[in-house]
Amino acid sequence: MLSFTGSLKVFVCLEAMDMRKGFEGLHAAVGERLKEDVRAGALFVFTNRRRTRLKILYFDGTGLWLMTKRLEQGTFFWPKAAEPGQCKLKLTPEAFSLLTDGVDMHRATLRPWYERE
């Protein structure tokens, strides 16, 4: 489980992203699609079309971090745009933790995932 401070900003890209993108491709997506500055110290979260992978871009003041999570089974709950044309959503660190831990935020239930015994 990841843990972040309450003051951390988390931006979720609502559109699916090509997960072949690395540092440069996601850095460009933050500026072009999300209209944010990657050096602002926020987490920028992307997923693939099937919602089975996450990539998180984070600038810590000295360099970029690229974190990845791939599910063996199941999918991530992913928020939808509230209005047409909306491409990002700001989450609280608590909501981000729920998303990465597999909690469906609409039903407050765990999504079915693979877990090793």
N, C-alpha and C. Protein backbone atom coordinates (compact mmCIF):
# COMPACT_ATOMS: atom_id res chain seq x y z
N MET A 1 0.84 -1.18 0.00
CA MET A 1 0.00 0.00 0.00
C MET A 1 0.88 1.24 0.00
N LEU A 2 0.53 2.19 -0.83
CA LEU A 2 1.24 3.46 -0.88
C LEU A 2 0.62 4.42 0.12
N SER A 3 1.45 5.30 0.67
CA SER A 3 0.94 6.28 1.62
C SER A 3 1.53 7.64 1.28
N PHE A 4 0.68 8.67 1.25
CA PHE A 4 1.11 10.02 0.91
C PHE A 4 0.51 11.00 1.89
N THR A 5 1.13 12.19 1.99
CA THR A 5 0.64 13.22 2.89
C THR A 5 -0.65 13.83 2.36
N GLY A 6 -1.41 14.44 3.23
CA GLY A 6 -2.68 15.05 2.85
C GLY A 6 -2.55 16.25 1.94
N SER A 7 -1.36 16.85 1.88
CA SER A 7 -1.17 18.03 1.04
C SER A 7 -0.74 17.68 -0.39
N LEU A 8 -0.50 16.41 -0.68
CA LEU A 8 -0.06 16.00 -2.00
C LEU A 8 -1.21 16.11 -2.99
N LYS A 9 -0.94 16.69 -4.16
CA LYS A 9 -1.94 16.78 -5.22
C LYS A 9 -1.84 15.53 -6.09
N VAL A 10 -2.99 14.99 -6.48
CA VAL A 10 -3.05 13.81 -7.34
C VAL A 10 -3.98 14.13 -8.50
N PHE A 11 -3.46 14.04 -9.72
CA PHE A 11 -4.27 14.27 -10.91
C PHE A 11 -4.38 12.97 -11.69
N VAL A 12 -5.60 12.58 -12.00
CA VAL A 12 -5.87 11.36 -12.76
C VAL A 12 -6.26 11.76 -14.17
N CYS A 13 -5.59 11.17 -15.15
CA CYS A 13 -5.96 11.38 -16.55
C CYS A 13 -7.15 10.46 -16.83
N LEU A 14 -8.28 11.04 -17.19
CA LEU A 14 -9.51 10.26 -17.38
C LEU A 14 -9.51 9.46 -18.67
N GLU A 15 -8.69 9.85 -19.63
CA GLU A 15 -8.60 9.14 -20.90
C GLU A 15 -7.57 8.02 -20.79
N ALA A 16 -7.78 6.95 -21.51
CA ALA A 16 -6.81 5.86 -21.54
C ALA A 16 -5.52 6.33 -22.20
N MET A 17 -4.41 5.79 -21.75
CA MET A 17 -3.09 6.17 -22.25
C MET A 17 -2.38 4.93 -22.77
N ASP A 18 -1.58 5.11 -23.80
CA ASP A 18 -0.74 4.03 -24.32
C ASP A 18 0.33 3.73 -23.27
N MET A 19 0.31 2.52 -22.71
CA MET A 19 1.23 2.17 -21.64
C MET A 19 2.65 1.91 -22.12
N ARG A 20 2.89 2.02 -23.42
CA ARG A 20 4.26 1.93 -23.91
C ARG A 20 5.01 3.23 -23.66
N LYS A 21 4.29 4.29 -23.32
CA LYS A 21 4.93 5.59 -23.06
C LYS A 21 5.77 5.50 -21.80
N GLY A 22 6.90 6.16 -21.85
CA GLY A 22 7.80 6.23 -20.71
C GLY A 22 7.85 7.65 -20.16
N PHE A 23 9.01 8.00 -19.61
CA PHE A 23 9.19 9.32 -19.00
C PHE A 23 8.79 10.46 -19.93
N GLU A 24 9.37 10.48 -21.13
CA GLU A 24 9.16 11.60 -22.04
C GLU A 24 7.72 11.67 -22.54
N GLY A 25 7.14 10.53 -22.90
CA GLY A 25 5.77 10.51 -23.41
C GLY A 25 4.75 10.94 -22.37
N LEU A 26 4.93 10.48 -21.14
CA LEU A 26 4.00 10.87 -20.07
C LEU A 26 4.23 12.32 -19.64
N HIS A 27 5.49 12.76 -19.65
CA HIS A 27 5.79 14.16 -19.35
C HIS A 27 5.07 15.06 -20.35
N ALA A 28 5.10 14.70 -21.62
CA ALA A 28 4.40 15.47 -22.65
C ALA A 28 2.89 15.43 -22.43
N ALA A 29 2.35 14.28 -22.04
CA ALA A 29 0.90 14.16 -21.80
C ALA A 29 0.45 15.04 -20.63
N VAL A 30 1.28 15.17 -19.61
CA VAL A 30 0.94 16.05 -18.48
C VAL A 30 0.77 17.48 -18.96
N GLY A 31 1.68 17.94 -19.79
CA GLY A 31 1.61 19.32 -20.29
C GLY A 31 0.52 19.53 -21.32
N GLU A 32 0.41 18.61 -22.28
CA GLU A 32 -0.53 18.79 -23.39
C GLU A 32 -1.97 18.43 -23.03
N ARG A 33 -2.18 17.29 -22.41
CA ARG A 33 -3.56 16.85 -22.11
C ARG A 33 -4.09 17.40 -20.79
N LEU A 34 -3.24 17.33 -19.76
CA LEU A 34 -3.71 17.74 -18.43
C LEU A 34 -3.50 19.22 -18.15
N LYS A 35 -2.68 19.88 -18.95
CA LYS A 35 -2.39 21.32 -18.79
C LYS A 35 -1.83 21.61 -17.40
N GLU A 36 -0.91 20.75 -16.94
CA GLU A 36 -0.27 20.92 -15.64
C GLU A 36 1.24 20.92 -15.84
N ASP A 37 1.96 21.41 -14.82
CA ASP A 37 3.42 21.40 -14.82
C ASP A 37 3.88 20.19 -14.03
N VAL A 38 4.62 19.30 -14.68
CA VAL A 38 5.05 18.07 -14.03
C VAL A 38 5.97 18.35 -12.84
N ARG A 39 6.63 19.50 -12.82
CA ARG A 39 7.56 19.84 -11.73
C ARG A 39 6.88 20.45 -10.52
N ALA A 40 5.55 20.46 -10.51
CA ALA A 40 4.80 21.04 -9.40
C ALA A 40 4.77 20.13 -8.17
N GLY A 41 5.27 18.91 -8.30
CA GLY A 41 5.31 18.01 -7.15
C GLY A 41 4.04 17.20 -6.95
N ALA A 42 3.22 17.07 -7.98
CA ALA A 42 1.99 16.29 -7.89
C ALA A 42 2.21 14.91 -8.49
N LEU A 43 1.31 13.98 -8.16
CA LEU A 43 1.28 12.68 -8.81
C LEU A 43 0.38 12.79 -10.04
N PHE A 44 0.81 12.22 -11.14
CA PHE A 44 0.01 12.19 -12.37
C PHE A 44 -0.23 10.73 -12.70
N VAL A 45 -1.49 10.32 -12.70
CA VAL A 45 -1.86 8.91 -12.79
C VAL A 45 -2.52 8.63 -14.14
N PHE A 46 -2.04 7.57 -14.80
CA PHE A 46 -2.54 7.17 -16.11
C PHE A 46 -2.89 5.69 -16.07
N THR A 47 -3.83 5.28 -16.92
CA THR A 47 -4.19 3.88 -17.04
C THR A 47 -4.34 3.51 -18.51
N ASN A 48 -4.35 2.21 -18.76
CA ASN A 48 -4.58 1.73 -20.13
C ASN A 48 -6.08 1.58 -20.38
N ARG A 49 -6.45 1.24 -21.60
CA ARG A 49 -7.87 1.14 -21.98
C ARG A 49 -8.61 0.05 -21.20
N ARG A 50 -7.92 -1.06 -20.91
CA ARG A 50 -8.57 -2.18 -20.18
C ARG A 50 -8.59 -1.97 -18.67
N ARG A 51 -7.92 -0.94 -18.18
CA ARG A 51 -7.85 -0.61 -16.74
C ARG A 51 -7.16 -1.69 -15.92
N THR A 52 -6.14 -2.31 -16.51
CA THR A 52 -5.38 -3.34 -15.81
C THR A 52 -3.98 -2.86 -15.42
N ARG A 53 -3.60 -1.67 -15.87
CA ARG A 53 -2.27 -1.13 -15.57
C ARG A 53 -2.37 0.33 -15.17
N LEU A 54 -1.49 0.72 -14.27
CA LEU A 54 -1.35 2.12 -13.87
C LEU A 54 0.08 2.56 -14.09
N LYS A 55 0.25 3.80 -14.49
CA LYS A 55 1.56 4.45 -14.48
C LYS A 55 1.39 5.77 -13.77
N ILE A 56 2.34 6.06 -12.89
CA ILE A 56 2.30 7.28 -12.08
C ILE A 56 3.60 8.03 -12.30
N LEU A 57 3.49 9.29 -12.67
CA LEU A 57 4.65 10.14 -12.87
C LEU A 57 4.72 11.14 -11.72
N TYR A 58 5.93 11.30 -11.15
CA TYR A 58 6.11 12.17 -10.00
C TYR A 58 7.49 12.82 -10.05
N PHE A 59 7.54 14.11 -9.85
CA PHE A 59 8.81 14.85 -9.79
C PHE A 59 9.09 15.18 -8.33
N ASP A 60 10.22 14.70 -7.79
CA ASP A 60 10.52 14.88 -6.36
C ASP A 60 11.46 16.05 -6.07
N GLY A 61 11.75 16.86 -7.08
CA GLY A 61 12.65 17.99 -6.90
C GLY A 61 14.03 17.74 -7.48
N THR A 62 14.38 16.47 -7.64
CA THR A 62 15.69 16.13 -8.21
C THR A 62 15.56 15.35 -9.51
N GLY A 63 14.42 14.73 -9.73
CA GLY A 63 14.23 13.94 -10.93
C GLY A 63 12.83 13.35 -10.98
N LEU A 64 12.55 12.68 -12.08
CA LEU A 64 11.23 12.07 -12.29
C LEU A 64 11.21 10.63 -11.80
N TRP A 65 10.11 10.27 -11.16
CA TRP A 65 9.81 8.89 -10.79
C TRP A 65 8.75 8.40 -11.76
N LEU A 66 8.87 7.14 -12.16
CA LEU A 66 7.82 6.49 -12.95
C LEU A 66 7.49 5.19 -12.25
N MET A 67 6.29 5.13 -11.68
CA MET A 67 5.84 3.94 -10.95
C MET A 67 4.79 3.22 -11.78
N THR A 68 4.81 1.90 -11.75
CA THR A 68 3.91 1.09 -12.55
C THR A 68 3.29 0.00 -11.69
N LYS A 69 2.02 -0.29 -11.93
CA LYS A 69 1.36 -1.42 -11.30
C LYS A 69 0.56 -2.15 -12.37
N ARG A 70 0.74 -3.48 -12.41
CA ARG A 70 0.00 -4.32 -13.35
C ARG A 70 -0.78 -5.34 -12.54
N LEU A 71 -2.08 -5.42 -12.80
CA LEU A 71 -2.92 -6.40 -12.12
C LEU A 71 -2.83 -7.74 -12.83
N GLU A 72 -2.79 -8.81 -12.08
CA GLU A 72 -2.81 -10.15 -12.65
C GLU A 72 -4.23 -10.52 -13.08
N GLN A 73 -5.22 -10.08 -12.32
CA GLN A 73 -6.62 -10.30 -12.65
C GLN A 73 -7.41 -9.08 -12.19
N GLY A 74 -8.58 -8.88 -12.78
CA GLY A 74 -9.45 -7.78 -12.38
C GLY A 74 -9.04 -6.47 -13.03
N THR A 75 -9.73 -5.41 -12.64
CA THR A 75 -9.48 -4.09 -13.20
C THR A 75 -9.51 -3.04 -12.09
N PHE A 76 -8.92 -1.90 -12.38
CA PHE A 76 -8.99 -0.76 -11.47
C PHE A 76 -10.34 -0.07 -11.66
N PHE A 77 -10.91 0.44 -10.58
CA PHE A 77 -12.04 1.36 -10.69
C PHE A 77 -11.46 2.63 -11.29
N TRP A 78 -12.14 3.21 -12.26
CA TRP A 78 -11.62 4.44 -12.87
C TRP A 78 -12.74 5.47 -12.96
N PRO A 79 -12.51 6.68 -12.45
CA PRO A 79 -13.54 7.72 -12.52
C PRO A 79 -13.85 8.12 -13.96
N LYS A 80 -15.06 8.60 -14.16
CA LYS A 80 -15.49 9.06 -15.48
C LYS A 80 -15.61 10.59 -15.46
N ALA A 81 -15.52 11.19 -16.62
CA ALA A 81 -15.64 12.64 -16.74
C ALA A 81 -17.05 13.08 -16.36
N ALA A 82 -17.15 14.12 -15.55
CA ALA A 82 -18.45 14.64 -15.14
C ALA A 82 -19.08 15.49 -16.23
N GLU A 83 -18.25 16.06 -17.07
CA GLU A 83 -18.74 16.91 -18.16
C GLU A 83 -17.93 16.62 -19.43
N PRO A 84 -18.52 16.82 -20.59
CA PRO A 84 -17.81 16.55 -21.85
C PRO A 84 -16.54 17.39 -21.96
N GLY A 85 -15.47 16.77 -22.44
CA GLY A 85 -14.22 17.49 -22.61
C GLY A 85 -13.32 17.48 -21.40
N GLN A 86 -13.83 17.01 -20.27
CA GLN A 86 -13.00 16.96 -19.06
C GLN A 86 -11.98 15.84 -19.22
N CYS A 87 -10.69 16.17 -19.02
CA CYS A 87 -9.65 15.17 -19.24
C CYS A 87 -8.89 14.80 -17.98
N LYS A 88 -9.12 15.53 -16.89
CA LYS A 88 -8.42 15.20 -15.65
C LYS A 88 -9.36 15.36 -14.46
N LEU A 89 -8.97 14.72 -13.38
CA LEU A 89 -9.71 14.79 -12.13
C LEU A 89 -8.70 14.89 -11.00
N LYS A 90 -8.93 15.79 -10.08
CA LYS A 90 -8.05 15.91 -8.92
C LYS A 90 -8.59 15.02 -7.82
N LEU A 91 -7.74 14.17 -7.26
CA LEU A 91 -8.13 13.27 -6.17
C LEU A 91 -7.40 13.65 -4.90
N THR A 92 -7.99 13.31 -3.78
CA THR A 92 -7.28 13.42 -2.52
C THR A 92 -6.34 12.23 -2.41
N PRO A 93 -5.29 12.34 -1.60
CA PRO A 93 -4.41 11.17 -1.41
C PRO A 93 -5.17 9.94 -0.89
N GLU A 94 -6.20 10.16 -0.08
CA GLU A 94 -6.99 9.04 0.45
C GLU A 94 -7.75 8.34 -0.67
N ALA A 95 -8.36 9.11 -1.57
CA ALA A 95 -9.09 8.53 -2.70
C ALA A 95 -8.13 7.81 -3.64
N PHE A 96 -6.92 8.35 -3.81
CA PHE A 96 -5.92 7.68 -4.63
C PHE A 96 -5.52 6.34 -4.02
N SER A 97 -5.37 6.29 -2.71
CA SER A 97 -5.05 5.02 -2.04
C SER A 97 -6.16 4.00 -2.24
N LEU A 98 -7.40 4.45 -2.17
CA LEU A 98 -8.53 3.53 -2.41
C LEU A 98 -8.48 3.00 -3.84
N LEU A 99 -8.19 3.88 -4.78
CA LEU A 99 -8.11 3.47 -6.19
C LEU A 99 -7.03 2.41 -6.38
N THR A 100 -5.83 2.63 -5.83
CA THR A 100 -4.72 1.68 -6.02
C THR A 100 -4.90 0.41 -5.22
N ASP A 101 -5.72 0.44 -4.18
CA ASP A 101 -5.97 -0.75 -3.36
C ASP A 101 -7.16 -1.57 -3.85
N GLY A 102 -7.84 -1.11 -4.91
CA GLY A 102 -8.90 -1.91 -5.50
C GLY A 102 -10.28 -1.68 -4.95
N VAL A 103 -10.51 -0.53 -4.34
CA VAL A 103 -11.83 -0.23 -3.80
C VAL A 103 -12.66 0.50 -4.87
N ASP A 104 -13.85 -0.02 -5.14
CA ASP A 104 -14.79 0.63 -6.05
C ASP A 104 -15.40 1.79 -5.27
N MET A 105 -15.08 3.01 -5.65
CA MET A 105 -15.50 4.17 -4.87
C MET A 105 -16.99 4.46 -4.99
N HIS A 106 -17.68 3.88 -5.95
CA HIS A 106 -19.13 4.07 -6.04
C HIS A 106 -19.86 3.18 -5.06
N ARG A 107 -19.38 1.96 -4.89
CA ARG A 107 -20.06 1.00 -4.01
C ARG A 107 -19.35 0.78 -2.69
N ALA A 108 -18.16 1.33 -2.54
CA ALA A 108 -17.34 1.13 -1.34
C ALA A 108 -17.11 -0.36 -1.08
N THR A 109 -16.83 -1.11 -2.15
CA THR A 109 -16.53 -2.53 -2.03
C THR A 109 -15.22 -2.82 -2.73
N LEU A 110 -14.58 -3.92 -2.31
CA LEU A 110 -13.36 -4.34 -2.98
C LEU A 110 -13.68 -4.97 -4.32
N ARG A 111 -12.91 -4.64 -5.32
CA ARG A 111 -13.07 -5.26 -6.64
C ARG A 111 -12.37 -6.61 -6.61
N PRO A 112 -12.87 -7.59 -7.38
CA PRO A 112 -12.23 -8.91 -7.37
C PRO A 112 -10.87 -8.87 -8.06
N TRP A 113 -9.83 -9.21 -7.32
CA TRP A 113 -8.47 -9.22 -7.82
C TRP A 113 -7.81 -10.54 -7.48
N TYR A 114 -6.76 -10.84 -8.21
CA TYR A 114 -5.92 -11.98 -7.92
C TYR A 114 -5.04 -11.64 -6.72
N GLU A 115 -4.90 -12.55 -5.79
CA GLU A 115 -3.95 -12.38 -4.70
C GLU A 115 -3.24 -13.69 -4.45
N ARG A 116 -1.93 -13.61 -4.26
CA ARG A 116 -1.16 -14.81 -3.94
C ARG A 116 -1.50 -15.28 -2.55
N GLU A 117 -1.52 -16.58 -2.38
CA GLU A 117 -1.78 -17.14 -1.04
C GLU A 117 -0.53 -17.13 -0.21
